[in-house]
PDB file of N, CA and C in Angstrom:
ATOM      1  N   MET A   1      91.060 134.553  80.069  1.00  0.00           N
ATOM      2  CA  MET A   1      91.513 133.143  80.308  1.00  0.00           C
ATOM      3  C   MET A   1      91.012 132.597  81.567  1.00  0.00           C
ATOM      4  N   ASN A   2      90.582 131.265  81.342  1.00  0.00           N
ATOM      5  CA  ASN A   2      90.179 130.653  82.666  1.00  0.00           C
ATOM      6  C   ASN A   2      91.266 129.978  83.314  1.00  0.00           C
ATOM      7  N   PRO A   3      91.303 129.901  84.633  1.00  0.00           N
ATOM      8  CA  PRO A   3      92.313 129.283  85.406  1.00  0.00           C
ATOM      9  C   PRO A   3      92.089 127.730  85.190  1.00  0.00           C
ATOM     10  N   PRO A   4      93.184 126.938  85.134  1.00  0.00           N
ATOM     11  CA  PRO A   4      93.106 125.655  84.975  1.00  0.00           C
ATOM     12  C   PRO A   4      92.388 124.950  86.270  1.00  0.00           C
ATOM     13  N   ASP A   5      91.701 123.891  85.951  1.00  0.00           N
ATOM     14  CA  ASP A   5      91.087 123.124  87.121  1.00  0.00           C
ATOM     15  C   ASP A   5      92.059 122.097  87.707  1.00  0.00           C
ATOM     16  N   ILE A   6      92.742 122.577  88.586  1.00  0.00           N
ATOM     17  CA  ILE A   6      93.709 121.793  89.147  1.00  0.00           C
ATOM     18  C   ILE A   6      93.190 121.359  90.782  1.00  0.00           C
ATOM     19  N   LYS A   7      93.189 120.143  91.032  1.00  0.00           N
ATOM     20  CA  LYS A   7      92.659 119.610  92.144  1.00  0.00           C
ATOM     21  C   LYS A   7      93.857 119.751  93.252  1.00  0.00           C
ATOM     22  N   ALA A   8      93.537 119.818  94.548  1.00  0.00           N
ATOM     23  CA  ALA A   8      94.587 119.837  95.675  1.00  0.00           C
ATOM     24  C   ALA A   8      95.194 118.537  95.746  1.00  0.00           C
ATOM     25  N   ALA A   9      96.415 118.636  96.009  1.00  0.00           N
ATOM     26  CA  ALA A   9      97.203 117.258  96.353  1.00  0.00           C
ATOM     27  C   ALA A   9      96.696 116.517  97.694  1.00  0.00           C
ATOM     28  N   HIS A  10      96.685 115.336  97.813  1.00  0.00           N
ATOM     29  CA  HIS A  10      96.540 114.632  99.119  1.00  0.00           C
ATOM     30  C   HIS A  10      97.479 115.030 100.080  1.00  0.00           C
ATOM     31  N   ALA A  11      97.133 115.238 101.296  1.00  0.00           N
ATOM     32  CA  ALA A  11      97.919 115.707 102.284  1.00  0.00           C
ATOM     33  C   ALA A  11      98.668 114.663 103.065  1.00  0.00           C
ATOM     34  N   ASP A  12      98.127 113.386 103.195  1.00  0.00           N
ATOM     35  CA  ASP A  12      98.675 112.243 103.629  1.00  0.00           C
ATOM     36  C   ASP A  12      99.323 111.334 102.493  1.00  0.00           C
ATOM     37  N   LEU A  13     100.452 111.549 102.254  1.00  0.00           N
ATOM     38  CA  LEU A  13     101.281 110.684 101.385  1.00  0.00           C
ATOM     39  C   LEU A  13     101.989 109.543 102.233  1.00  0.00           C
ATOM     40  N   PRO A  14     101.810 108.293 101.653  1.00  0.00           N
ATOM     41  CA  PRO A  14     102.617 107.201 102.392  1.00  0.00           C
ATOM     42  C   PRO A  14     103.994 107.211 102.208  1.00  0.00           C
ATOM     43  N   ILE A  15     104.667 107.848 103.044  1.00  0.00           N
ATOM     44  CA  ILE A  15     106.168 107.857 103.047  1.00  0.00           C
ATOM     45  C   ILE A  15     106.903 107.216 104.144  1.00  0.00           C
ATOM     46  N   ASP A  16     107.729 106.193 103.700  1.00  0.00           N
ATOM     47  CA  ASP A  16     108.360 105.315 104.751  1.00  0.00           C
ATOM     48  C   ASP A  16     109.643 106.139 105.265  1.00  0.00           C
ATOM     49  N   VAL A  17     109.625 106.452 106.562  1.00  0.00           N
ATOM     50  CA  VAL A  17     110.626 107.385 107.092  1.00  0.00           C
ATOM     51  C   VAL A  17     111.739 106.310 108.014  1.00  0.00           C
ATOM     52  N   ASN A  18     111.349 105.086 107.762  1.00  0.00           N
ATOM     53  CA  ASN A  18     112.219 104.100 108.686  1.00  0.00           C
ATOM     54  C   ASN A  18     113.546 103.947 107.790  1.00  0.00           C
ATOM     55  N   PRO A  19     114.694 103.631 108.642  1.00  0.00           N
ATOM     56  CA  PRO A  19     116.057 103.530 107.795  1.00  0.00           C
ATOM     57  C   PRO A  19     115.996 102.319 106.979  1.00  0.00           C
ATOM     58  N   PRO A  20     116.696 102.329 105.831  1.00  0.00           N
ATOM     59  CA  PRO A  20     116.735 101.183 105.027  1.00  0.00           C
ATOM     60  C   PRO A  20     117.267  99.945 105.716  1.00  0.00           C
ATOM     61  N   THR A  21     116.890  98.787 105.275  1.00  0.00           N
ATOM     62  CA  THR A  21     117.303  97.538 105.807  1.00  0.00           C
ATOM     63  C   THR A  21     118.672  97.150 105.214  1.00  0.00           C
ATOM     64  N   THR A  22     119.194  96.262 105.844  1.00  0.00           N
ATOM     65  CA  THR A  22     120.523  95.803 105.424  1.00  0.00           C
ATOM     66  C   THR A  22     120.463  95.166 103.921  1.00  0.00           C
ATOM     67  N   GLY A  23     119.258  94.624 103.772  1.00  0.00           N
ATOM     68  CA  GLY A  23     118.957  94.027 102.314  1.00  0.00           C
ATOM     69  C   GLY A  23     118.917  95.148 101.390  1.00  0.00           C
ATOM     70  N   GLU A  24     118.358  96.186 101.671  1.00  0.00           N
ATOM     71  CA  GLU A  24     118.121  97.401 100.719  1.00  0.00           C
ATOM     72  C   GLU A  24     119.406  98.087 100.585  1.00  0.00           C
ATOM     73  N   ILE A  25     120.289  98.144 101.558  1.00  0.00           N
ATOM     74  CA  ILE A  25     121.580  98.704 101.382  1.00  0.00           C
ATOM     75  C   ILE A  25     122.351  97.879 100.502  1.00  0.00           C
ATOM     76  N   ARG A  26     122.478  96.446 100.628  1.00  0.00           N
ATOM     77  CA  ARG A  26     123.216  95.550  99.805  1.00  0.00           C
ATOM     78  C   ARG A  26     122.685  95.792  98.359  1.00  0.00           C
ATOM     79  N   MET A  27     121.468  95.725  98.177  1.00  0.00           N
ATOM     80  CA  MET A  27     120.967  95.928  96.806  1.00  0.00           C
ATOM     81  C   MET A  27     121.326  97.211  96.211  1.00  0.00           C
ATOM     82  N   GLY A  28     121.433  98.299  96.899  1.00  0.00           N
ATOM     83  CA  GLY A  28     121.996  99.713  96.511  1.00  0.00           C
ATOM     84  C   GLY A  28     123.368  99.500  96.106  1.00  0.00           C
ATOM     85  N   ILE A  29     124.252  98.869  96.792  1.00  0.00           N
ATOM     86  CA  ILE A  29     125.583  98.744  96.717  1.00  0.00           C
ATOM     87  C   ILE A  29     125.815  97.933  95.432  1.00  0.00           C
ATOM     88  N   ARG A  30     125.083  96.856  95.241  1.00  0.00           N
ATOM     89  CA  ARG A  30     124.942  96.047  93.919  1.00  0.00           C
ATOM     90  C   ARG A  30     124.820  96.963  92.678  1.00  0.00           C
ATOM     91  N   GLN A  31     123.818  97.748  92.761  1.00  0.00           N
ATOM     92  CA  GLN A  31     123.333  98.418  91.685  1.00  0.00           C
ATOM     93  C   GLN A  31     124.273  99.630  91.242  1.00  0.00           C
ATOM     94  N   MET A  32     125.297  99.909  92.043  1.00  0.00           N
ATOM     95  CA  MET A  32     126.106 101.057  91.690  1.00  0.00           C
ATOM     96  C   MET A  32     126.987 100.501  90.497  1.00  0.00           C
ATOM     97  N   LYS A  33     127.179 101.510  89.686  1.00  0.00           N
ATOM     98  CA  LYS A  33     128.054 101.290  88.497  1.00  0.00           C
ATOM     99  C   LYS A  33     129.483 101.402  88.591  1.00  0.00           C
ATOM    100  N   SER A  34     130.194 100.219  88.384  1.00  0.00           N
ATOM    101  CA  SER A  34     131.630 100.248  88.478  1.00  0.00           C
ATOM    102  C   SER A  34     132.219 100.962  87.361  1.00  0.00           C
ATOM    103  N   GLY A  35     133.526 101.377  87.577  1.00  0.00           N
ATOM    104  CA  GLY A  35     134.254 102.031  86.469  1.00  0.00           C
ATOM    105  C   GLY A  35     133.946 103.518  86.166  1.00  0.00           C
ATOM    106  N   LYS A  36     133.078 104.007  86.930  1.00  0.00           N
ATOM    107  CA  LYS A  36     132.655 105.388  86.802  1.00  0.00           C
ATOM    108  C   LYS A  36     133.503 106.244  87.737  1.00  0.00           C
ATOM    109  N   ALA A  37     133.554 107.423  87.607  1.00  0.00           N
ATOM    110  CA  ALA A  37     134.195 108.381  88.488  1.00  0.00           C
ATOM    111  C   ALA A  37     133.535 108.605  89.730  1.00  0.00           C
ATOM    112  N   ALA A  38     134.304 108.805  90.810  1.00  0.00           N
ATOM    113  CA  ALA A  38     133.713 108.992  92.180  1.00  0.00           C
ATOM    114  C   ALA A  38     132.911 110.164  92.177  1.00  0.00           C
ATOM    115  N   ARG A  39     131.793 110.328  92.818  1.00  0.00           N
ATOM    116  CA  ARG A  39     130.980 111.399  93.000  1.00  0.00           C
ATOM    117  C   ARG A  39     131.641 112.352  94.075  1.00  0.00           C
ATOM    118  N   HIS A  40     130.795 113.314  94.552  1.00  0.00           N
ATOM    119  CA  HIS A  40     131.331 114.227  95.442  1.00  0.00           C
ATOM    120  C   HIS A  40     131.951 113.835  96.769  1.00  0.00           C
ATOM    121  N   ASP A  41     131.455 112.587  97.154  1.00  0.00           N
ATOM    122  CA  ASP A  41     131.985 112.014  98.505  1.00  0.00           C
ATOM    123  C   ASP A  41     133.522 111.287  98.033  1.00  0.00           C
ATOM    124  N   ASN A  42     133.812 111.297  96.779  1.00  0.00           N
ATOM    125  CA  ASN A  42     135.310 110.769  96.476  1.00  0.00           C
ATOM    126  C   ASN A  42     135.291 109.304  96.710  1.00  0.00           C
ATOM    127  N   ILE A  43     134.262 108.578  96.940  1.00  0.00           N
ATOM    128  CA  ILE A  43     134.287 107.268  97.300  1.00  0.00           C
ATOM    129  C   ILE A  43     133.891 106.462  95.966  1.00  0.00           C
ATOM    130  N   PRO A  44     134.798 105.663  95.165  1.00  0.00           N
ATOM    131  CA  PRO A  44     134.427 104.955  94.096  1.00  0.00           C
ATOM    132  C   PRO A  44     133.569 103.728  94.434  1.00  0.00           C
ATOM    133  N   ALA A  45     132.737 103.422  93.590  1.00  0.00           N
ATOM    134  CA  ALA A  45     131.811 102.275  93.845  1.00  0.00           C
ATOM    135  C   ALA A  45     132.699 101.011  94.133  1.00  0.00           C
ATOM    136  N   GLU A  46     133.826 100.742  93.527  1.00  0.00           N
ATOM    137  CA  GLU A  46     134.642  99.562  93.673  1.00  0.00           C
ATOM    138  C   GLU A  46     135.013  99.565  95.142  1.00  0.00           C
ATOM    139  N   ALA A  47     135.227 100.643  95.657  1.00  0.00           N
ATOM    140  CA  ALA A  47     135.741 100.755  97.231  1.00  0.00           C
ATOM    141  C   ALA A  47     134.565 100.132  98.171  1.00  0.00           C
ATOM    142  N   LEU A  48     133.323 100.642  97.800  1.00  0.00           N
ATOM    143  CA  LEU A  48     132.139 100.165  98.483  1.00  0.00           C
ATOM    144  C   LEU A  48     131.813  98.572  98.309  1.00  0.00           C
ATOM    145  N   GLU A  49     132.109  98.371  97.021  1.00  0.00           N
ATOM    146  CA  GLU A  49     131.887  96.779  96.675  1.00  0.00           C
ATOM    147  C   GLU A  49     132.732  95.795  97.144  1.00  0.00           C
ATOM    148  N   SER A  50     133.972  96.221  97.397  1.00  0.00           N
ATOM    149  CA  SER A  50     135.140  95.375  97.726  1.00  0.00           C
ATOM    150  C   SER A  50     134.910  94.669  99.166  1.00  0.00           C
ATOM    151  N   HIS A  51     134.214  95.313  99.850  1.00  0.00           N
ATOM    152  CA  HIS A  51     133.931  94.799 101.355  1.00  0.00           C
ATOM    153  C   HIS A  51     132.497  94.872 101.640  1.00  0.00           C
ATOM    154  N   LYS A  52     131.636  94.219 100.822  1.00  0.00           N
ATOM    155  CA  LYS A  52     130.182  94.563 100.902  1.00  0.00           C
ATOM    156  C   LYS A  52     129.439  94.344 102.321  1.00  0.00           C
ATOM    157  N   GLU A  53     129.835  93.302 103.009  1.00  0.00           N
ATOM    158  CA  GLU A  53     129.520  93.083 104.516  1.00  0.00           C
ATOM    159  C   GLU A  53     129.798  94.234 105.439  1.00  0.00           C
ATOM    160  N   VAL A  54     130.924  94.677 105.338  1.00  0.00           N
ATOM    161  CA  VAL A  54     131.551  95.604 106.233  1.00  0.00           C
ATOM    162  C   VAL A  54     130.733  97.070 105.908  1.00  0.00           C
ATOM    163  N   THR A  55     130.837  97.315 104.519  1.00  0.00           N
ATOM    164  CA  THR A  55     130.215  98.557 104.092  1.00  0.00           C
ATOM    165  C   THR A  55     128.701  98.570 104.441  1.00  0.00           C
ATOM    166  N   THR A  56     127.991  97.486 104.217  1.00  0.00           N
ATOM    167  CA  THR A  56     126.582  97.318 104.589  1.00  0.00           C
ATOM    168  C   THR A  56     126.330  97.553 106.053  1.00  0.00           C
ATOM    169  N   ASN A  57     127.009  97.066 106.834  1.00  0.00           N
ATOM    170  CA  ASN A  57     126.892  97.218 108.345  1.00  0.00           C
ATOM    171  C   ASN A  57     127.251  98.615 108.818  1.00  0.00           C
ATOM    172  N   VAL A  58     128.300  99.199 108.277  1.00  0.00           N
ATOM    173  CA  VAL A  58     128.566 100.536 108.696  1.00  0.00           C
ATOM    174  C   VAL A  58     127.468 101.442 108.228  1.00  0.00           C
ATOM    175  N   LEU A  59     127.125 101.368 106.869  1.00  0.00           N
ATOM    176  CA  LEU A  59     125.963 102.255 106.392  1.00  0.00           C
ATOM    177  C   LEU A  59     124.649 102.206 107.294  1.00  0.00           C
ATOM    178  N   HIS A  60     124.504 100.792 107.590  1.00  0.00           N
ATOM    179  CA  HIS A  60     123.147 100.520 108.331  1.00  0.00           C
ATOM    180  C   HIS A  60     123.223 101.259 109.630  1.00  0.00           C
ATOM    181  N   VAL A  61     124.460 101.228 110.417  1.00  0.00           N
ATOM    182  CA  VAL A  61     124.588 101.887 111.664  1.00  0.00           C
ATOM    183  C   VAL A  61     124.320 103.564 111.396  1.00  0.00           C
ATOM    184  N   LEU A  62     124.901 103.964 110.314  1.00  0.00           N
ATOM    185  CA  LEU A  62     124.888 105.371 110.105  1.00  0.00           C
ATOM    186  C   LEU A  62     123.491 105.799 109.828  1.00  0.00           C
ATOM    187  N   PHE A  63     122.841 105.053 108.853  1.00  0.00           N
ATOM    188  CA  PHE A  63     121.458 105.543 108.588  1.00  0.00           C
ATOM    189  C   PHE A  63     120.451 105.412 109.633  1.00  0.00           C
ATOM    190  N   ARG A  64     120.656 104.493 110.648  1.00  0.00           N
ATOM    191  CA  ARG A  64     119.959 104.341 111.813  1.00  0.00           C
ATOM    192  C   ARG A  64     119.932 105.701 112.670  1.00  0.00           C
ATOM    193  N   LYS A  65     121.109 106.274 112.662  1.00  0.00           N
ATOM    194  CA  LYS A  65     121.362 107.411 113.575  1.00  0.00           C
ATOM    195  C   LYS A  65     120.972 108.771 112.923  1.00  0.00           C
ATOM    196  N   ILE A  66     120.700 108.670 111.544  1.00  0.00           N
ATOM    197  CA  ILE A  66     120.129 109.884 110.866  1.00  0.00           C
ATOM    198  C   ILE A  66     118.761 110.119 111.170  1.00  0.00           C
TER     199      ILE A  66
END
């Protein structure tokens, strides 16, 4: 059996390690599906969507600290 001719992956992958912008966070909140069961964090999408600006600002501060 001949080994497959697999080329090595590029070592430099362009990965953005900056925290998400408030616009990206808002978009993520908008894209969450309402009416679904809460995930492991027990926070339903409706709770995050009910106060979008507050949620966005709190998450933005949190993500900048991570």
